[in-house]
Each structure stands twice: as C-alpha cells, then as structure tokens.
Amino acid sequence: MGKPVPQCPIRLGEPCTLCSPGATGPQDCGLVWLVMDDPDLRERLAELRRERAAATTAA
C-alpha cells in the first residue's frame, strides 16, 4: 500500500499539490491559513462542503 496523499481542504476533492511556496502540505499552506482565518471565506468553504456532501449522499 502506498503513502497516503493529503487532500487539499480548499480545492475539494483534489490532492494537495503544494501550490503555496514553502508548504509541505495543507498543515502549513498559506492559502489554507488565509481561508480559515477569514470568517466569510471559512463560512463559504463550509457551504461548499455541505453542498458537496449533500450531492454525494443524493447520488
């Protein structure tokens, strides 16, 4: 079995591609930090996650 691939918490359903310079994964990604630090962006991400979960459940 191979090494697990971390998933990007921002680009739902996509693997972490280390798109932020200096990041080693989602845990120290500047983009993740910016989104999670902004209440409006964090809420919008939560909405997208709920929509995705509902669509997955319905399918």
PDB file of N, CA and C in Angstrom:
ATOM      1  N   MET A   1       0.845  -1.178   0.000  1.00  0.00           N
ATOM      2  CA  MET A   1       0.000   0.000   0.000  1.00  0.00           C
ATOM      3  C   MET A   1       0.891   1.242   0.000  1.00  0.00           C
ATOM      4  N   GLY A   2       0.539   2.249  -0.799  1.00  0.00           N
ATOM      5  CA  GLY A   2       1.358   3.440  -0.939  1.00  0.00           C
ATOM      6  C   GLY A   2       1.128   4.462   0.161  1.00  0.00           C
ATOM      7  N   LYS A   3       1.935   5.466   0.120  1.00  0.00           N
ATOM      8  CA  LYS A   3       1.844   6.557   1.090  1.00  0.00           C
ATOM      9  C   LYS A   3       0.558   7.347   0.840  1.00  0.00           C
ATOM     10  N   PRO A   4      -0.208   7.694   1.892  1.00  0.00           N
ATOM     11  CA  PRO A   4      -1.433   8.461   1.693  1.00  0.00           C
ATOM     12  C   PRO A   4      -1.138   9.842   1.114  1.00  0.00           C
ATOM     13  N   VAL A   5      -2.018  10.307   0.249  1.00  0.00           N
ATOM     14  CA  VAL A   5      -1.861  11.609  -0.386  1.00  0.00           C
ATOM     15  C   VAL A   5      -2.756  12.611   0.354  1.00  0.00           C
ATOM     16  N   PRO A   6      -2.174  13.672   0.929  1.00  0.00           N
ATOM     17  CA  PRO A   6      -3.009  14.652   1.632  1.00  0.00           C
ATOM     18  C   PRO A   6      -3.934  15.365   0.657  1.00  0.00           C
ATOM     19  N   GLN A   7      -5.175  15.578   1.081  1.00  0.00           N
ATOM     20  CA  GLN A   7      -6.161  16.261   0.267  1.00  0.00           C
ATOM     21  C   GLN A   7      -6.163  17.753   0.583  1.00  0.00           C
ATOM     22  N   CYS A   8      -6.380  18.552  -0.444  1.00  0.00           N
ATOM     23  CA  CYS A   8      -6.453  20.000  -0.260  1.00  0.00           C
ATOM     24  C   CYS A   8      -7.777  20.348   0.403  1.00  0.00           C
ATOM     25  N   PRO A   9      -7.757  21.030   1.534  1.00  0.00           N
ATOM     26  CA  PRO A   9      -9.000  21.392   2.195  1.00  0.00           C
ATOM     27  C   PRO A   9      -9.737  22.546   1.509  1.00  0.00           C
ATOM     28  N   ILE A  10      -9.098  23.195   0.565  1.00  0.00           N
ATOM     29  CA  ILE A  10      -9.704  24.321  -0.142  1.00  0.00           C
ATOM     30  C   ILE A  10     -10.276  23.873  -1.485  1.00  0.00           C
ATOM     31  N   ARG A  11      -9.482  23.179  -2.266  1.00  0.00           N
ATOM     32  CA  ARG A  11      -9.929  22.660  -3.571  1.00  0.00           C
ATOM     33  C   ARG A  11     -10.497  21.270  -3.322  1.00  0.00           C
ATOM     34  N   LEU A  12     -11.748  21.211  -2.967  1.00  0.00           N
ATOM     35  CA  LEU A  12     -12.395  19.982  -2.523  1.00  0.00           C
ATOM     36  C   LEU A  12     -12.250  18.862  -3.541  1.00  0.00           C
ATOM     37  N   GLY A  13     -11.833  17.716  -3.043  1.00  0.00           N
ATOM     38  CA  GLY A  13     -11.679  16.539  -3.890  1.00  0.00           C
ATOM     39  C   GLY A  13     -10.356  16.454  -4.626  1.00  0.00           C
ATOM     40  N   GLU A  14      -9.486  17.422  -4.436  1.00  0.00           N
ATOM     41  CA  GLU A  14      -8.194  17.420  -5.125  1.00  0.00           C
ATOM     42  C   GLU A  14      -7.069  17.174  -4.126  1.00  0.00           C
ATOM     43  N   PRO A  15      -6.000  16.525  -4.579  1.00  0.00           N
ATOM     44  CA  PRO A  15      -4.869  16.322  -3.681  1.00  0.00           C
ATOM     45  C   PRO A  15      -4.111  17.625  -3.452  1.00  0.00           C
ATOM     46  N   CYS A  16      -3.395  17.687  -2.352  1.00  0.00           N
ATOM     47  CA  CYS A  16      -2.532  18.838  -2.086  1.00  0.00           C
ATOM     48  C   CYS A  16      -1.384  18.800  -3.093  1.00  0.00           C
ATOM     49  N   THR A  17      -1.269  19.854  -3.867  1.00  0.00           N
ATOM     50  CA  THR A  17      -0.209  19.905  -4.876  1.00  0.00           C
ATOM     51  C   THR A  17       0.905  20.859  -4.465  1.00  0.00           C
ATOM     52  N   LEU A  18       0.888  21.266  -3.208  1.00  0.00           N
ATOM     53  CA  LEU A  18       1.900  22.181  -2.690  1.00  0.00           C
ATOM     54  C   LEU A  18       1.969  23.447  -3.534  1.00  0.00           C
ATOM     55  N   CYS A  19       0.800  24.012  -3.832  1.00  0.00           N
ATOM     56  CA  CYS A  19       0.725  25.196  -4.692  1.00  0.00           C
ATOM     57  C   CYS A  19       1.226  26.460  -3.998  1.00  0.00           C
ATOM     58  N   SER A  20       1.357  26.414  -2.683  1.00  0.00           N
ATOM     59  CA  SER A  20       1.851  27.566  -1.935  1.00  0.00           C
ATOM     60  C   SER A  20       3.344  27.380  -1.678  1.00  0.00           C
ATOM     61  N   PRO A  21       4.187  28.301  -2.141  1.00  0.00           N
ATOM     62  CA  PRO A  21       5.637  28.142  -1.958  1.00  0.00           C
ATOM     63  C   PRO A  21       6.021  27.928  -0.487  1.00  0.00           C
ATOM     64  N   GLY A  22       6.853  26.950  -0.260  1.00  0.00           N
ATOM     65  CA  GLY A  22       7.346  26.655   1.079  1.00  0.00           C
ATOM     66  C   GLY A  22       6.463  25.693   1.860  1.00  0.00           C
ATOM     67  N   ALA A  23       5.285  25.371   1.336  1.00  0.00           N
ATOM     68  CA  ALA A  23       4.386  24.464   2.050  1.00  0.00           C
ATOM     69  C   ALA A  23       4.862  23.027   1.915  1.00  0.00           C
ATOM     70  N   THR A  24       4.652  22.267   2.970  1.00  0.00           N
ATOM     71  CA  THR A  24       4.958  20.843   2.931  1.00  0.00           C
ATOM     72  C   THR A  24       3.675  20.024   2.901  1.00  0.00           C
ATOM     73  N   GLY A  25       2.549  20.685   2.970  1.00  0.00           N
ATOM     74  CA  GLY A  25       1.233  20.045   2.952  1.00  0.00           C
ATOM     75  C   GLY A  25       0.187  21.030   3.432  1.00  0.00           C
ATOM     76  N   PRO A  26      -1.062  20.599   3.559  1.00  0.00           N
ATOM     77  CA  PRO A  26      -2.127  21.502   3.978  1.00  0.00           C
ATOM     78  C   PRO A  26      -1.894  22.133   5.352  1.00  0.00           C
ATOM     79  N   GLN A  27      -1.140  21.437   6.198  1.00  0.00           N
ATOM     80  CA  GLN A  27      -0.935  21.923   7.561  1.00  0.00           C
ATOM     81  C   GLN A  27      -0.154  23.231   7.630  1.00  0.00           C
ATOM     82  N   ASP A  28       0.648  23.557   6.629  1.00  0.00           N
ATOM     83  CA  ASP A  28       1.391  24.816   6.670  1.00  0.00           C
ATOM     84  C   ASP A  28       1.243  25.611   5.363  1.00  0.00           C
ATOM     85  N   CYS A  29       0.109  25.444   4.718  1.00  0.00           N
ATOM     86  CA  CYS A  29      -0.171  26.139   3.463  1.00  0.00           C
ATOM     87  C   CYS A  29      -0.727  27.535   3.747  1.00  0.00           C
ATOM     88  N   GLY A  30      -0.153  28.529   3.109  1.00  0.00           N
ATOM     89  CA  GLY A  30      -0.609  29.907   3.289  1.00  0.00           C
ATOM     90  C   GLY A  30      -2.037  30.108   2.812  1.00  0.00           C
ATOM     91  N   LEU A  31      -2.430  29.452   1.728  1.00  0.00           N
ATOM     92  CA  LEU A  31      -3.794  29.584   1.227  1.00  0.00           C
ATOM     93  C   LEU A  31      -4.792  29.034   2.242  1.00  0.00           C
ATOM     94  N   VAL A  32      -4.505  27.889   2.802  1.00  0.00           N
ATOM     95  CA  VAL A  32      -5.388  27.302   3.810  1.00  0.00           C
ATOM     96  C   VAL A  32      -5.493  28.247   4.998  1.00  0.00           C
ATOM     97  N   TRP A  33      -4.386  28.780   5.434  1.00  0.00           N
ATOM     98  CA  TRP A  33      -4.391  29.709   6.570  1.00  0.00           C
ATOM     99  C   TRP A  33      -5.249  30.934   6.269  1.00  0.00           C
ATOM    100  N   LEU A  34      -5.075  31.516   5.072  1.00  0.00           N
ATOM    101  CA  LEU A  34      -5.852  32.706   4.713  1.00  0.00           C
ATOM    102  C   LEU A  34      -7.351  32.429   4.712  1.00  0.00           C
ATOM    103  N   VAL A  35      -7.741  31.317   4.115  1.00  0.00           N
ATOM    104  CA  VAL A  35      -9.174  30.989   4.049  1.00  0.00           C
ATOM    105  C   VAL A  35      -9.726  30.725   5.444  1.00  0.00           C
ATOM    106  N   MET A  36      -9.009  29.961   6.236  1.00  0.00           N
ATOM    107  CA  MET A  36      -9.513  29.609   7.561  1.00  0.00           C
ATOM    108  C   MET A  36      -9.467  30.787   8.532  1.00  0.00           C
ATOM    109  N   ASP A  37      -8.649  31.782   8.260  1.00  0.00           N
ATOM    110  CA  ASP A  37      -8.549  32.960   9.123  1.00  0.00           C
ATOM    111  C   ASP A  37      -9.620  34.002   8.799  1.00  0.00           C
ATOM    112  N   ASP A  38     -10.240  33.916   7.627  1.00  0.00           N
ATOM    113  CA  ASP A  38     -11.243  34.883   7.206  1.00  0.00           C
ATOM    114  C   ASP A  38     -12.635  34.290   7.457  1.00  0.00           C
ATOM    115  N   PRO A  39     -13.438  34.887   8.335  1.00  0.00           N
ATOM    116  CA  PRO A  39     -14.749  34.316   8.671  1.00  0.00           C
ATOM    117  C   PRO A  39     -15.663  34.123   7.457  1.00  0.00           C
ATOM    118  N   ASP A  40     -15.663  35.069   6.524  1.00  0.00           N
ATOM    119  CA  ASP A  40     -16.523  34.955   5.343  1.00  0.00           C
ATOM    120  C   ASP A  40     -16.070  33.810   4.434  1.00  0.00           C
ATOM    121  N   LEU A  41     -14.771  33.720   4.200  1.00  0.00           N
ATOM    122  CA  LEU A  41     -14.249  32.636   3.356  1.00  0.00           C
ATOM    123  C   LEU A  41     -14.435  31.281   4.025  1.00  0.00           C
ATOM    124  N   ARG A  42     -14.228  31.238   5.330  1.00  0.00           N
ATOM    125  CA  ARG A  42     -14.400  29.987   6.072  1.00  0.00           C
ATOM    126  C   ARG A  42     -15.854  29.519   5.979  1.00  0.00           C
ATOM    127  N   GLU A  43     -16.807  30.447   6.108  1.00  0.00           N
ATOM    128  CA  GLU A  43     -18.221  30.094   6.007  1.00  0.00           C
ATOM    129  C   GLU A  43     -18.567  29.627   4.589  1.00  0.00           C
ATOM    130  N   ARG A  44     -18.030  30.293   3.575  1.00  0.00           N
ATOM    131  CA  ARG A  44     -18.295  29.884   2.193  1.00  0.00           C
ATOM    132  C   ARG A  44     -17.736  28.487   1.930  1.00  0.00           C
ATOM    133  N   LEU A  45     -16.565  28.194   2.459  1.00  0.00           N
ATOM    134  CA  LEU A  45     -15.986  26.860   2.316  1.00  0.00           C
ATOM    135  C   LEU A  45     -16.881  25.829   3.001  1.00  0.00           C
ATOM    136  N   ALA A  46     -17.405  26.165   4.163  1.00  0.00           N
ATOM    137  CA  ALA A  46     -18.315  25.253   4.864  1.00  0.00           C
ATOM    138  C   ALA A  46     -19.566  25.001   4.024  1.00  0.00           C
ATOM    139  N   GLU A  47     -20.083  26.038   3.373  1.00  0.00           N
ATOM    140  CA  GLU A  47     -21.247  25.880   2.488  1.00  0.00           C
ATOM    141  C   GLU A  47     -20.921  24.929   1.341  1.00  0.00           C
ATOM    142  N   LEU A  48     -19.760  25.120   0.723  1.00  0.00           N
ATOM    143  CA  LEU A  48     -19.354  24.256  -0.380  1.00  0.00           C
ATOM    144  C   LEU A  48     -19.216  22.810   0.079  1.00  0.00           C
ATOM    145  N   ARG A  49     -18.679  22.603   1.279  1.00  0.00           N
ATOM    146  CA  ARG A  49     -18.532  21.247   1.808  1.00  0.00           C
ATOM    147  C   ARG A  49     -19.897  20.612   2.048  1.00  0.00           C
ATOM    148  N   ARG A  50     -20.846  21.403   2.592  1.00  0.00           N
ATOM    149  CA  ARG A  50     -22.194  20.877   2.820  1.00  0.00           C
ATOM    150  C   ARG A  50     -22.866  20.510   1.496  1.00  0.00           C
ATOM    151  N   GLU A  51     -22.728  21.379   0.493  1.00  0.00           N
ATOM    152  CA  GLU A  51     -23.313  21.106  -0.824  1.00  0.00           C
ATOM    153  C   GLU A  51     -22.714  19.839  -1.427  1.00  0.00           C
ATOM    154  N   ARG A  52     -21.411  19.699  -1.299  1.00  0.00           N
ATOM    155  CA  ARG A  52     -20.736  18.522  -1.854  1.00  0.00           C
ATOM    156  C   ARG A  52     -21.191  17.261  -1.126  1.00  0.00           C
ATOM    157  N   ALA A  53     -21.318  17.332   0.199  1.00  0.00           N
ATOM    158  CA  ALA A  53     -21.764  16.171   0.976  1.00  0.00           C
ATOM    159  C   ALA A  53     -23.200  15.807   0.602  1.00  0.00           C
ATOM    160  N   ALA A  54     -24.057  16.804   0.415  1.00  0.00           N
ATOM    161  CA  ALA A  54     -25.447  16.537   0.042  1.00  0.00           C
ATOM    162  C   ALA A  54     -25.520  15.910  -1.338  1.00  0.00           C
ATOM    163  N   ALA A  55     -24.709  16.395  -2.268  1.00  0.00           N
ATOM    164  CA  ALA A  55     -24.700  15.848  -3.619  1.00  0.00           C
ATOM    165  C   ALA A  55     -24.183  14.418  -3.625  1.00  0.00           C
ATOM    166  N   THR A  56     -23.200  14.137  -2.803  1.00  0.00           N
ATOM    167  CA  THR A  56     -22.629  12.791  -2.715  1.00  0.00           C
ATOM    168  C   THR A  56     -23.654  11.836  -2.107  1.00  0.00           C
ATOM    169  N   THR A  57     -24.375  12.296  -1.093  1.00  0.00           N
ATOM    170  CA  THR A  57     -25.385  11.480  -0.426  1.00  0.00           C
ATOM    171  C   THR A  57     -26.549  11.193  -1.380  1.00  0.00           C
ATOM    172  N   ALA A  58     -26.920  12.194  -2.176  1.00  0.00           N
ATOM    173  CA  ALA A  58     -28.050  12.052  -3.094  1.00  0.00           C
ATOM    174  C   ALA A  58     -27.730  11.121  -4.261  1.00  0.00           C
ATOM    175  N   ALA A  59     -26.460  11.017  -4.593  1.00  0.00           N
ATOM    176  CA  ALA A  59     -26.068  10.204  -5.772  1.00  0.00           C
ATOM    177  C   ALA A  59     -26.042   8.740  -5.522  1.00  0.00           C
TER     178      ALA A  59
END
